[in-house]
Full PDB file with SEQRES, HELIX, SHEET, SSBOND, CRYST1, ORIGX, SCALE, CONECT and MASTER records, all heavy atoms in Angstrom:
SEQRES   1 A   36  GLY GLY ALA VAL THR VAL LYS ILE SER GLY LYS LYS GLN          
SEQRES   2 A   36  ILE LEU SER LEU ASP ILE ALA PRO GLU VAL VAL ASP PRO          
SEQRES   3 A   36  ASP ASP ILE GLU THR LEU SER ASP ILE LEU                      
HELIX    1 AA1 PRO A   21  VAL A   23  5                                   3    
HELIX    2 AA2 PRO A   26  ASP A   28  5                                   3    
HELIX    3 AA3 ILE A   29  ILE A   35  1                                   7    
SHEET    1 AA1 2 VAL A   4  ILE A   8  0                                        
SHEET    2 AA1 2 ILE A  14  ILE A  19 -1                                        
CRYST1    1.000    1.000    1.000  90.00  90.00  90.00 P 1           1          
ORIGX1      1.000000  0.000000  0.000000        0.00000                         
ORIGX2      0.000000  1.000000  0.000000        0.00000                         
ORIGX3      0.000000  0.000000  1.000000        0.00000                         
SCALE1      1.000000  0.000000  0.000000        0.00000                         
SCALE2      0.000000  1.000000  0.000000        0.00000                         
SCALE3      0.000000  0.000000  1.000000        0.00000                         
ATOM      1  N   GLY A   1     -20.189 -24.386   9.205  1.00  0.00           N  
ATOM      2  CA  GLY A   1     -20.792 -25.097   7.974  1.00  0.00           C  
ATOM      3  C   GLY A   1     -20.507 -26.697   8.224  1.00  0.00           C  
ATOM      4  O   GLY A   1     -20.215 -27.390   7.267  1.00  0.00           O  
ATOM      5  N   GLY A   2     -20.392 -27.142   9.470  1.00  0.00           N  
ATOM      6  CA  GLY A   2     -20.162 -28.311   9.793  1.00  0.00           C  
ATOM      7  C   GLY A   2     -18.654 -28.814   9.900  1.00  0.00           C  
ATOM      8  O   GLY A   2     -18.306 -29.999  10.052  1.00  0.00           O  
ATOM      9  N   ALA A   3     -17.792 -27.772   9.734  1.00  0.00           N  
ATOM     10  CA  ALA A   3     -16.387 -27.942  10.093  1.00  0.00           C  
ATOM     11  C   ALA A   3     -16.066 -28.427  11.572  1.00  0.00           C  
ATOM     12  O   ALA A   3     -14.966 -29.155  11.508  1.00  0.00           O  
ATOM     13  CB  ALA A   3     -15.635 -26.697   9.679  1.00  0.00           C  
ATOM     14  N   VAL A   4     -16.757 -28.002  12.361  1.00  0.00           N  
ATOM     15  CA  VAL A   4     -16.531 -28.390  13.801  1.00  0.00           C  
ATOM     16  C   VAL A   4     -17.902 -28.724  14.337  1.00  0.00           C  
ATOM     17  O   VAL A   4     -18.812 -28.237  14.143  1.00  0.00           O  
ATOM     18  CB  VAL A   4     -16.008 -27.163  14.500  1.00  0.00           C  
ATOM     19  CG1 VAL A   4     -15.847 -27.467  16.039  1.00  0.00           C  
ATOM     20  CG2 VAL A   4     -14.537 -26.799  14.030  1.00  0.00           C  
ATOM     21  N   THR A   5     -17.702 -30.021  14.944  1.00  0.00           N  
ATOM     22  CA  THR A   5     -18.925 -30.533  15.731  1.00  0.00           C  
ATOM     23  C   THR A   5     -18.530 -30.704  17.098  1.00  0.00           C  
ATOM     24  O   THR A   5     -17.596 -31.387  17.501  1.00  0.00           O  
ATOM     25  CB  THR A   5     -19.405 -31.861  15.118  1.00  0.00           C  
ATOM     26  OG1 THR A   5     -19.583 -31.649  13.719  1.00  0.00           O  
ATOM     27  CG2 THR A   5     -20.687 -32.371  15.752  1.00  0.00           C  
ATOM     28  N   VAL A   6     -19.417 -30.200  18.205  1.00  0.00           N  
ATOM     29  CA  VAL A   6     -19.173 -30.443  19.497  1.00  0.00           C  
ATOM     30  C   VAL A   6     -20.337 -31.319  19.970  1.00  0.00           C  
ATOM     31  O   VAL A   6     -21.500 -31.083  19.706  1.00  0.00           O  
ATOM     32  CB  VAL A   6     -19.392 -29.044  20.151  1.00  0.00           C  
ATOM     33  CG1 VAL A   6     -19.299 -29.160  21.666  1.00  0.00           C  
ATOM     34  CG2 VAL A   6     -18.134 -28.256  19.606  1.00  0.00           C  
ATOM     35  N   LYS A   7     -19.879 -32.256  20.792  1.00  0.00           N  
ATOM     36  CA  LYS A   7     -20.972 -33.044  21.588  1.00  0.00           C  
ATOM     37  C   LYS A   7     -20.892 -32.569  23.062  1.00  0.00           C  
ATOM     38  O   LYS A   7     -19.708 -32.623  23.644  1.00  0.00           O  
ATOM     39  CB  LYS A   7     -20.690 -34.568  21.356  1.00  0.00           C  
ATOM     40  CG  LYS A   7     -21.747 -35.409  22.104  1.00  0.00           C  
ATOM     41  CD  LYS A   7     -21.384 -36.886  21.805  1.00  0.00           C  
ATOM     42  CE  LYS A   7     -22.384 -37.472  20.868  1.00  0.00           C  
ATOM     43  NZ  LYS A   7     -22.262 -38.884  20.765  1.00  0.00           N  
ATOM     44  N   ILE A   8     -21.918 -32.282  23.603  1.00  0.00           N  
ATOM     45  CA  ILE A   8     -21.979 -31.632  25.054  1.00  0.00           C  
ATOM     46  C   ILE A   8     -23.092 -32.338  25.780  1.00  0.00           C  
ATOM     47  O   ILE A   8     -24.023 -32.824  25.310  1.00  0.00           O  
ATOM     48  CB  ILE A   8     -22.118 -30.135  25.055  1.00  0.00           C  
ATOM     49  CG1 ILE A   8     -22.008 -29.489  26.369  1.00  0.00           C  
ATOM     50  CG2 ILE A   8     -23.410 -29.814  24.342  1.00  0.00           C  
ATOM     51  CD1 ILE A   8     -21.911 -28.001  26.389  1.00  0.00           C  
ATOM     52  N   SER A   9     -22.747 -32.565  27.036  1.00  0.00           N  
ATOM     53  CA  SER A   9     -23.800 -33.169  27.931  1.00  0.00           C  
ATOM     54  C   SER A   9     -24.718 -32.111  28.560  1.00  0.00           C  
ATOM     55  O   SER A   9     -24.367 -30.850  28.480  1.00  0.00           O  
ATOM     56  CB  SER A   9     -23.055 -34.001  29.197  1.00  0.00           C  
ATOM     57  OG  SER A   9     -22.586 -32.934  30.114  1.00  0.00           O  
ATOM     58  N   GLY A  10     -25.775 -32.537  29.086  1.00  0.00           N  
ATOM     59  CA  GLY A  10     -26.762 -31.605  29.851  1.00  0.00           C  
ATOM     60  C   GLY A  10     -26.040 -30.948  31.027  1.00  0.00           C  
ATOM     61  O   GLY A  10     -26.691 -29.979  31.496  1.00  0.00           O  
ATOM     62  N   LYS A  11     -24.913 -31.268  31.508  1.00  0.00           N  
ATOM     63  CA  LYS A  11     -24.212 -30.686  32.543  1.00  0.00           C  
ATOM     64  C   LYS A  11     -23.166 -29.855  31.978  1.00  0.00           C  
ATOM     65  O   LYS A  11     -22.354 -29.263  32.688  1.00  0.00           O  
ATOM     66  CB  LYS A  11     -23.522 -31.791  33.459  1.00  0.00           C  
ATOM     67  CG  LYS A  11     -24.433 -32.630  34.240  1.00  0.00           C  
ATOM     68  CD  LYS A  11     -23.684 -33.527  35.127  1.00  0.00           C  
ATOM     69  CE  LYS A  11     -24.644 -34.340  35.954  1.00  0.00           C  
ATOM     70  NZ  LYS A  11     -23.982 -35.246  36.885  1.00  0.00           N  
ATOM     71  N   LYS A  12     -23.235 -29.482  30.693  1.00  0.00           N  
ATOM     72  CA  LYS A  12     -22.419 -28.537  30.088  1.00  0.00           C  
ATOM     73  C   LYS A  12     -20.918 -28.955  29.950  1.00  0.00           C  
ATOM     74  O   LYS A  12     -19.963 -28.269  30.107  1.00  0.00           O  
ATOM     75  CB  LYS A  12     -22.423 -27.121  30.532  1.00  0.00           C  
ATOM     76  CG  LYS A  12     -23.909 -26.575  30.558  1.00  0.00           C  
ATOM     77  CD  LYS A  12     -23.781 -25.155  31.179  1.00  0.00           C  
ATOM     78  CE  LYS A  12     -25.274 -24.855  31.604  1.00  0.00           C  
ATOM     79  NZ  LYS A  12     -25.300 -23.698  32.537  1.00  0.00           N  
ATOM     80  N   GLN A  13     -20.765 -30.285  29.956  1.00  0.00           N  
ATOM     81  CA  GLN A  13     -19.306 -30.951  29.872  1.00  0.00           C  
ATOM     82  C   GLN A  13     -19.073 -31.298  28.386  1.00  0.00           C  
ATOM     83  O   GLN A  13     -20.062 -32.059  27.859  1.00  0.00           O  
ATOM     84  CB  GLN A  13     -19.263 -32.062  30.739  1.00  0.00           C  
ATOM     85  CG  GLN A  13     -19.292 -31.802  32.118  1.00  0.00           C  
ATOM     86  CD  GLN A  13     -19.409 -33.069  33.141  1.00  0.00           C  
ATOM     87  OE1 GLN A  13     -19.827 -33.936  32.775  1.00  0.00           O  
ATOM     88  NE2 GLN A  13     -18.781 -32.723  34.292  1.00  0.00           N  
ATOM     89  N   ILE A  14     -18.053 -30.791  27.786  1.00  0.00           N  
ATOM     90  CA  ILE A  14     -17.793 -31.219  26.402  1.00  0.00           C  
ATOM     91  C   ILE A  14     -17.407 -32.671  26.393  1.00  0.00           C  
ATOM     92  O   ILE A  14     -16.465 -33.129  27.126  1.00  0.00           O  
ATOM     93  CB  ILE A  14     -16.593 -30.344  25.793  1.00  0.00           C  
ATOM     94  CG1 ILE A  14     -16.941 -28.813  25.889  1.00  0.00           C  
ATOM     95  CG2 ILE A  14     -16.352 -30.704  24.447  1.00  0.00           C  
ATOM     96  CD1 ILE A  14     -18.171 -28.419  25.117  1.00  0.00           C  
ATOM     97  N   LEU A  15     -18.116 -33.384  25.561  1.00  0.00           N  
ATOM     98  CA  LEU A  15     -17.826 -34.973  25.447  1.00  0.00           C  
ATOM     99  C   LEU A  15     -16.822 -35.242  24.311  1.00  0.00           C  
ATOM    100  O   LEU A  15     -16.107 -36.144  24.367  1.00  0.00           O  
ATOM    101  CB  LEU A  15     -19.204 -35.621  25.352  1.00  0.00           C  
ATOM    102  CG  LEU A  15     -20.240 -35.383  26.410  1.00  0.00           C  
ATOM    103  CD1 LEU A  15     -21.586 -36.079  26.034  1.00  0.00           C  
ATOM    104  CD2 LEU A  15     -19.638 -35.962  27.801  1.00  0.00           C  
ATOM    105  N   SER A  16     -17.083 -34.495  23.225  1.00  0.00           N  
ATOM    106  CA  SER A  16     -16.101 -34.552  22.096  1.00  0.00           C  
ATOM    107  C   SER A  16     -16.114 -33.523  21.199  1.00  0.00           C  
ATOM    108  O   SER A  16     -17.140 -32.618  21.247  1.00  0.00           O  
ATOM    109  CB  SER A  16     -16.575 -35.808  21.340  1.00  0.00           C  
ATOM    110  OG  SER A  16     -17.749 -35.655  20.566  1.00  0.00           O  
ATOM    111  N   LEU A  17     -15.160 -33.286  20.390  1.00  0.00           N  
ATOM    112  CA  LEU A  17     -14.964 -32.199  19.535  1.00  0.00           C  
ATOM    113  C   LEU A  17     -14.384 -32.663  18.257  1.00  0.00           C  
ATOM    114  O   LEU A  17     -13.155 -33.267  18.321  1.00  0.00           O  
ATOM    115  CB  LEU A  17     -13.949 -31.122  20.301  1.00  0.00           C  
ATOM    116  CG  LEU A  17     -13.640 -29.868  19.567  1.00  0.00           C  
ATOM    117  CD1 LEU A  17     -15.048 -29.046  19.445  1.00  0.00           C  
ATOM    118  CD2 LEU A  17     -12.674 -29.119  20.351  1.00  0.00           C  
ATOM    119  N   ASP A  18     -14.968 -32.635  17.200  1.00  0.00           N  
ATOM    120  CA  ASP A  18     -14.628 -33.225  15.929  1.00  0.00           C  
ATOM    121  C   ASP A  18     -14.294 -31.938  15.043  1.00  0.00           C  
ATOM    122  O   ASP A  18     -15.102 -31.131  14.930  1.00  0.00           O  
ATOM    123  CB  ASP A  18     -15.658 -34.240  15.250  1.00  0.00           C  
ATOM    124  CG  ASP A  18     -15.894 -35.442  16.060  1.00  0.00           C  
ATOM    125  OD1 ASP A  18     -14.828 -35.966  16.572  1.00  0.00           O  
ATOM    126  OD2 ASP A  18     -17.086 -35.918  16.102  1.00  0.00           O  
ATOM    127  N   ILE A  19     -13.187 -32.060  14.323  1.00  0.00           N  
ATOM    128  CA  ILE A  19     -12.712 -30.976  13.478  1.00  0.00           C  
ATOM    129  C   ILE A  19     -12.406 -31.573  12.135  1.00  0.00           C  
ATOM    130  O   ILE A  19     -11.559 -32.533  12.007  1.00  0.00           O  
ATOM    131  CB  ILE A  19     -11.424 -30.315  14.030  1.00  0.00           C  
ATOM    132  CG1 ILE A  19     -11.696 -29.851  15.417  1.00  0.00           C  
ATOM    133  CG2 ILE A  19     -10.967 -29.262  13.044  1.00  0.00           C  
ATOM    134  CD1 ILE A  19     -10.371 -29.343  16.133  1.00  0.00           C  
ATOM    135  N   ALA A  20     -13.037 -31.101  11.168  1.00  0.00           N  
ATOM    136  CA  ALA A  20     -12.859 -31.422   9.778  1.00  0.00           C  
ATOM    137  C   ALA A  20     -11.514 -31.186   9.297  1.00  0.00           C  
ATOM    138  O   ALA A  20     -10.900 -30.120   9.557  1.00  0.00           O  
ATOM    139  CB  ALA A  20     -13.878 -30.872   8.887  1.00  0.00           C  
ATOM    140  N   PRO A  21     -10.777 -32.096   8.700  1.00  0.00           N  
ATOM    141  CA  PRO A  21      -9.399 -31.904   8.374  1.00  0.00           C  
ATOM    142  C   PRO A  21      -8.930 -30.669   7.523  1.00  0.00           C  
ATOM    143  O   PRO A  21      -8.022 -29.942   7.654  1.00  0.00           O  
ATOM    144  CB  PRO A  21      -8.863 -33.084   7.693  1.00  0.00           C  
ATOM    145  CG  PRO A  21      -9.928 -34.179   7.973  1.00  0.00           C  
ATOM    146  CD  PRO A  21     -11.194 -33.415   8.311  1.00  0.00           C  
ATOM    147  N   GLU A  22     -10.068 -30.335   6.731  1.00  0.00           N  
ATOM    148  CA  GLU A  22      -9.859 -29.279   5.725  1.00  0.00           C  
ATOM    149  C   GLU A  22      -9.870 -27.916   6.360  1.00  0.00           C  
ATOM    150  O   GLU A  22      -9.398 -26.898   5.758  1.00  0.00           O  
ATOM    151  CB  GLU A  22     -10.911 -29.177   4.554  1.00  0.00           C  
ATOM    152  CG  GLU A  22     -12.364 -29.155   4.972  1.00  0.00           C  
ATOM    153  CD  GLU A  22     -13.007 -30.491   5.340  1.00  0.00           C  
ATOM    154  OE1 GLU A  22     -12.276 -31.452   5.448  1.00  0.00           O  
ATOM    155  OE2 GLU A  22     -14.242 -30.498   5.534  1.00  0.00           O  
ATOM    156  N   VAL A  23     -10.214 -27.702   7.711  1.00  0.00           N  
ATOM    157  CA  VAL A  23     -10.185 -26.467   8.204  1.00  0.00           C  
ATOM    158  C   VAL A  23      -8.954 -26.333   9.081  1.00  0.00           C  
ATOM    159  O   VAL A  23      -8.754 -25.270   9.693  1.00  0.00           O  
ATOM    160  CB  VAL A  23     -11.464 -26.111   9.152  1.00  0.00           C  
ATOM    161  CG1 VAL A  23     -12.697 -26.106   8.303  1.00  0.00           C  
ATOM    162  CG2 VAL A  23     -11.537 -27.145  10.328  1.00  0.00           C  
ATOM    163  N   VAL A  24      -8.112 -27.330   9.145  1.00  0.00           N  
ATOM    164  CA  VAL A  24      -6.939 -27.324   9.973  1.00  0.00           C  
ATOM    165  C   VAL A  24      -5.808 -26.717   9.070  1.00  0.00           C  
ATOM    166  O   VAL A  24      -5.169 -27.504   8.149  1.00  0.00           O  
ATOM    167  CB  VAL A  24      -6.510 -28.712  10.505  1.00  0.00           C  
ATOM    168  CG1 VAL A  24      -5.158 -28.484  11.394  1.00  0.00           C  
ATOM    169  CG2 VAL A  24      -7.639 -29.225  11.335  1.00  0.00           C  
ATOM    170  N   ASP A  25      -5.689 -25.438   9.081  1.00  0.00           N  
ATOM    171  CA  ASP A  25      -4.661 -24.706   8.240  1.00  0.00           C  
ATOM    172  C   ASP A  25      -3.620 -24.110   9.224  1.00  0.00           C  
ATOM    173  O   ASP A  25      -3.989 -23.172   9.896  1.00  0.00           O  
ATOM    174  CB  ASP A  25      -5.263 -23.782   7.375  1.00  0.00           C  
ATOM    175  CG  ASP A  25      -4.396 -22.959   6.444  1.00  0.00           C  
ATOM    176  OD1 ASP A  25      -3.149 -23.089   6.643  1.00  0.00           O  
ATOM    177  OD2 ASP A  25      -4.828 -22.055   5.759  1.00  0.00           O  
ATOM    178  N   PRO A  26      -2.336 -24.677   9.228  1.00  0.00           N  
ATOM    179  CA  PRO A  26      -1.381 -24.071  10.207  1.00  0.00           C  
ATOM    180  C   PRO A  26      -1.208 -22.529   9.984  1.00  0.00           C  
ATOM    181  O   PRO A  26      -0.696 -21.886  10.932  1.00  0.00           O  
ATOM    182  CB  PRO A  26      -0.098 -24.940   9.809  1.00  0.00           C  
ATOM    183  CG  PRO A  26      -0.464 -25.937   8.888  1.00  0.00           C  
ATOM    184  CD  PRO A  26      -1.895 -25.718   8.452  1.00  0.00           C  
ATOM    185  N   ASP A  27      -1.410 -22.085   8.748  1.00  0.00           N  
ATOM    186  CA  ASP A  27      -1.254 -20.618   8.471  1.00  0.00           C  
ATOM    187  C   ASP A  27      -2.508 -19.825   8.907  1.00  0.00           C  
ATOM    188  O   ASP A  27      -2.497 -18.666   8.827  1.00  0.00           O  
ATOM    189  CB  ASP A  27      -0.925 -20.441   7.037  1.00  0.00           C  
ATOM    190  CG  ASP A  27       0.404 -21.065   6.537  1.00  0.00           C  
ATOM    191  OD1 ASP A  27       1.301 -21.195   7.447  1.00  0.00           O  
ATOM    192  OD2 ASP A  27       0.444 -21.525   5.510  1.00  0.00           O  
ATOM    193  N   ASP A  28      -3.486 -20.435   9.333  1.00  0.00           N  
ATOM    194  CA  ASP A  28      -4.778 -19.671   9.741  1.00  0.00           C  
ATOM    195  C   ASP A  28      -5.396 -20.359  10.941  1.00  0.00           C  
ATOM    196  O   ASP A  28      -6.587 -20.768  10.974  1.00  0.00           O  
ATOM    197  CB  ASP A  28      -5.698 -19.691   8.564  1.00  0.00           C  
ATOM    198  CG  ASP A  28      -6.934 -18.846   8.748  1.00  0.00           C  
ATOM    199  OD1 ASP A  28      -6.955 -17.961   9.700  1.00  0.00           O  
ATOM    200  OD2 ASP A  28      -7.890 -18.880   8.052  1.00  0.00           O  
ATOM    201  N   ILE A  29      -4.601 -20.374  12.066  1.00  0.00           N  
ATOM    202  CA  ILE A  29      -5.190 -20.971  13.274  1.00  0.00           C  
ATOM    203  C   ILE A  29      -6.289 -19.995  13.872  1.00  0.00           C  
ATOM    204  O   ILE A  29      -7.147 -20.638  14.484  1.00  0.00           O  
ATOM    205  CB  ILE A  29      -4.006 -20.996  14.357  1.00  0.00           C  
ATOM    206  CG1 ILE A  29      -2.941 -21.987  13.722  1.00  0.00           C  
ATOM    207  CG2 ILE A  29      -4.444 -21.495  15.628  1.00  0.00           C  
ATOM    208  CD1 ILE A  29      -3.274 -23.292  13.574  1.00  0.00           C  
ATOM    209  N   GLU A  30      -6.261 -18.763  13.534  1.00  0.00           N  
ATOM    210  CA  GLU A  30      -7.236 -17.887  14.027  1.00  0.00           C  
ATOM    211  C   GLU A  30      -8.797 -18.218  13.480  1.00  0.00           C  
ATOM    212  O   GLU A  30      -9.626 -18.222  14.387  1.00  0.00           O  
ATOM    213  CB  GLU A  30      -6.975 -16.518  13.681  1.00  0.00           C  
ATOM    214  CG  GLU A  30      -7.949 -15.350  14.292  1.00  0.00           C  
ATOM    215  CD  GLU A  30      -7.506 -13.963  14.053  1.00  0.00           C  
ATOM    216  OE1 GLU A  30      -6.300 -13.737  13.512  1.00  0.00           O  
ATOM    217  OE2 GLU A  30      -8.316 -13.120  14.227  1.00  0.00           O  
ATOM    218  N   THR A  31      -8.836 -18.670  12.315  1.00  0.00           N  
ATOM    219  CA  THR A  31     -10.163 -19.031  11.861  1.00  0.00           C  
ATOM    220  C   THR A  31     -10.659 -20.266  12.556  1.00  0.00           C  
ATOM    221  O   THR A  31     -11.849 -20.428  12.940  1.00  0.00           O  
ATOM    222  CB  THR A  31     -10.166 -19.350  10.319  1.00  0.00           C  
ATOM    223  OG1 THR A  31      -9.874 -17.915   9.718  1.00  0.00           O  
ATOM    224  CG2 THR A  31     -11.503 -19.850   9.900  1.00  0.00           C  
ATOM    225  N   LEU A  32      -9.742 -21.366  12.716  1.00  0.00           N  
ATOM    226  CA  LEU A  32     -10.059 -22.567  13.469  1.00  0.00           C  
ATOM    227  C   LEU A  32     -10.505 -22.302  14.867  1.00  0.00           C  
ATOM    228  O   LEU A  32     -11.480 -22.814  15.336  1.00  0.00           O  
ATOM    229  CB  LEU A  32      -9.033 -23.476  13.501  1.00  0.00           C  
ATOM    230  CG  LEU A  32      -9.190 -24.838  14.246  1.00  0.00           C  
ATOM    231  CD1 LEU A  32     -10.481 -25.522  13.717  1.00  0.00           C  
ATOM    232  CD2 LEU A  32      -8.020 -25.674  14.049  1.00  0.00           C  
ATOM    233  N   SER A  33      -9.767 -21.294  15.458  1.00  0.00           N  
ATOM    234  CA  SER A  33      -9.996 -20.986  16.910  1.00  0.00           C  
ATOM    235  C   SER A  33     -11.405 -20.270  17.007  1.00  0.00           C  
ATOM    236  O   SER A  33     -12.128 -20.604  17.828  1.00  0.00           O  
ATOM    237  CB  SER A  33      -9.007 -19.976  17.476  1.00  0.00           C  
ATOM    238  OG  SER A  33      -9.246 -19.454  18.586  1.00  0.00           O  
ATOM    239  N   ASP A  34     -11.691 -19.377  16.062  1.00  0.00           N  
ATOM    240  CA  ASP A  34     -13.047 -18.763  16.016  1.00  0.00           C  
ATOM    241  C   ASP A  34     -14.216 -19.750  15.861  1.00  0.00           C  
ATOM    242  O   ASP A  34     -15.202 -19.677  16.493  1.00  0.00           O  
ATOM    243  CB  ASP A  34     -13.031 -17.668  14.861  1.00  0.00           C  
ATOM    244  CG  ASP A  34     -12.308 -16.437  15.130  1.00  0.00           C  
ATOM    245  OD1 ASP A  34     -11.819 -16.261  16.314  1.00  0.00           O  
ATOM    246  OD2 ASP A  34     -12.018 -15.743  14.193  1.00  0.00           O  
ATOM    247  N   ILE A  35     -13.898 -20.723  14.970  1.00  0.00           N  
ATOM    248  CA  ILE A  35     -15.067 -21.786  14.689  1.00  0.00           C  
ATOM    249  C   ILE A  35     -15.240 -22.647  16.024  1.00  0.00           C  
ATOM    250  O   ILE A  35     -16.397 -22.954  16.332  1.00  0.00           O  
ATOM    251  CB  ILE A  35     -14.674 -22.584  13.564  1.00  0.00           C  
ATOM    252  CG1 ILE A  35     -14.748 -21.768  12.282  1.00  0.00           C  
ATOM    253  CG2 ILE A  35     -15.657 -23.817  13.459  1.00  0.00           C  
ATOM    254  CD1 ILE A  35     -14.226 -22.485  11.030  1.00  0.00           C  
ATOM    255  N   LEU A  36     -14.043 -22.946  16.607  1.00  0.00           N  
ATOM    256  CA  LEU A  36     -14.191 -23.662  17.949  1.00  0.00           C  
ATOM    257  C   LEU A  36     -15.015 -23.048  19.057  1.00  0.00           C  
ATOM    258  O   LEU A  36     -15.881 -23.496  19.605  1.00  0.00           O  
ATOM    259  CB  LEU A  36     -12.880 -24.070  18.390  1.00  0.00           C  
ATOM    260  CG  LEU A  36     -12.155 -25.060  17.586  1.00  0.00           C  
ATOM    261  CD1 LEU A  36     -10.570 -25.259  18.026  1.00  0.00           C  
ATOM    262  CD2 LEU A  36     -12.671 -26.499  17.680  1.00  0.00           C  
TER     263      LEU A  36                                                      
MASTER        0    0    0    3    2    0    0    6  262    1    0    3          
END                                                                             
């Protein structure tokens, strides 16, 4: 839902990875990992 945004090149290289602060929950790393 827009919590994570990935910018990737045409060569499939990750250029940036933006994570919305509200999805960073130290007690629920698994959800963040799944979204990533």
